[in-house]
C-alpha atoms as a PDB file:
ATOM      1  CA  MET A   1      10.826   0.382 -22.563  1.00  0.00           C
ATOM      2  CA  THR A   2      13.526  -2.040 -23.422  1.00  0.00           C
ATOM      3  CA  SER A   3      13.185  -5.620 -24.519  1.00  0.00           C
ATOM      4  CA  ILE A   4      14.327  -8.450 -22.319  1.00  0.00           C
ATOM      5  CA  GLN A   5      17.757  -9.805 -23.183  1.00  0.00           C
ATOM      6  CA  SER A   6      18.811 -13.441 -23.049  1.00  0.00           C
ATOM      7  CA  SER A   7      18.671 -14.931 -19.575  1.00  0.00           C
ATOM      8  CA  ALA A   8      22.438 -15.575 -19.561  1.00  0.00           C
ATOM      9  CA  ASN A   9      23.191 -11.837 -19.727  1.00  0.00           C
ATOM     10  CA  PHE A  10      20.225 -10.800 -17.642  1.00  0.00           C
ATOM     11  CA  LYS A  11      20.358 -13.073 -14.587  1.00  0.00           C
ATOM     12  CA  GLY A  12      20.445 -11.070 -11.353  1.00  0.00           C
ATOM     13  CA  ASN A  13      20.465  -7.684 -13.096  1.00  0.00           C
ATOM     14  CA  LYS A  14      17.080  -6.428 -11.884  1.00  0.00           C
ATOM     15  CA  SER A  15      17.969  -2.740 -12.147  1.00  0.00           C
ATOM     16  CA  ASN A  16      17.659  -2.915 -15.947  1.00  0.00           C
ATOM     17  CA  LEU A  17      14.147  -4.390 -16.101  1.00  0.00           C
ATOM     18  CA  PRO A  18      11.679  -2.404 -18.219  1.00  0.00           C
ATOM     19  CA  HIS A  19       9.063  -0.409 -16.338  1.00  0.00           C
ATOM     20  CA  LYS A  20       5.928   1.621 -16.981  1.00  0.00           C
ATOM     21  CA  LEU A  21       3.373   3.633 -15.000  1.00  0.00           C
ATOM     22  CA  CYS A  22      -0.013   2.394 -13.845  1.00  0.00           C
ATOM     23  CA  VAL A  23      -2.754   4.181 -15.806  1.00  0.00           C
ATOM     24  CA  LEU A  24      -4.868   4.780 -12.691  1.00  0.00           C
ATOM     25  CA  CYS A  25      -2.542   5.508  -9.748  1.00  0.00           C
ATOM     26  CA  ARG A  26       0.654   6.419 -11.682  1.00  0.00           C
ATOM     27  CA  ARG A  27       2.821   4.007  -9.647  1.00  0.00           C
ATOM     28  CA  SER A  28       5.835   2.527 -11.365  1.00  0.00           C
ATOM     29  CA  MET A  29       5.493  -1.124 -12.414  1.00  0.00           C
ATOM     30  CA  VAL A  30       8.526  -3.280 -13.115  1.00  0.00           C
ATOM     31  CA  TRP A  31       8.440  -6.116 -15.649  1.00  0.00           C
ATOM     32  CA  ARG A  32       7.556  -9.530 -14.214  1.00  0.00           C
ATOM     33  CA  LYS A  33       8.024 -12.925 -15.790  1.00  0.00           C
ATOM     34  CA  ALA A  34       4.261 -13.525 -15.445  1.00  0.00           C
ATOM     35  CA  TRP A  35       3.695 -10.515 -17.737  1.00  0.00           C
ATOM     36  CA  ALA A  36       6.246 -11.652 -20.348  1.00  0.00           C
ATOM     37  CA  ASN A  37       3.640 -12.662 -22.938  1.00  0.00           C
ATOM     38  CA  ASN A  38       1.438  -9.579 -22.570  1.00  0.00           C
ATOM     39  CA  TRP A  39       3.681  -6.780 -21.247  1.00  0.00           C
ATOM     40  CA  ASP A  40       2.372  -4.337 -23.861  1.00  0.00           C
ATOM     41  CA  ALA A  41      -1.221  -4.962 -22.711  1.00  0.00           C
ATOM     42  CA  VAL A  42      -0.530  -4.504 -18.971  1.00  0.00           C
ATOM     43  CA  LYS A  43      -2.086  -1.215 -17.813  1.00  0.00           C
ATOM     44  CA  TYR A  44      -2.682  -1.552 -14.072  1.00  0.00           C
ATOM     45  CA  CYS A  45      -0.315  -2.309 -11.195  1.00  0.00           C
ATOM     46  CA  SER A  46      -2.812  -4.343  -9.194  1.00  0.00           C
ATOM     47  CA  THR A  47      -6.208  -5.980  -9.165  1.00  0.00           C
ATOM     48  CA  HIS A  48      -7.430  -3.061  -7.063  1.00  0.00           C
ATOM     49  CA  CYS A  49      -6.523  -0.521  -9.767  1.00  0.00           C
ATOM     50  CA  SER A  50      -7.999  -2.716 -12.487  1.00  0.00           C
ATOM     51  CA  ARG A  51     -11.328  -3.020 -10.651  1.00  0.00           C
ATOM     52  CA  ALA A  52     -11.385   0.683  -9.782  1.00  0.00           C
ATOM     53  CA  ALA A  53     -10.871   1.604 -13.434  1.00  0.00           C
ATOM     54  CA  LYS A  54     -13.726  -0.668 -14.515  1.00  0.00           C
ATOM     55  CA  SER A  55     -16.069   0.862 -11.930  1.00  0.00           C
ATOM     56  CA  LYS A  56     -15.286   4.401 -13.178  1.00  0.00           C
ATOM     57  CA  ARG A  57     -16.591   3.578 -16.659  1.00  0.00           C
END
């Protein structure tokens, strides 16, 4: 996983966004601006996967 570069160099270059796999369904997740502050803590690709993981406990 790479860190996000300055917006001047990064604008429009979405192919180089960091990504990771969902813990539950193993789908690839691409970095979103909404996750910028907690990207390391993001584990699930969707609310559905998050709820399903909690119900399996």
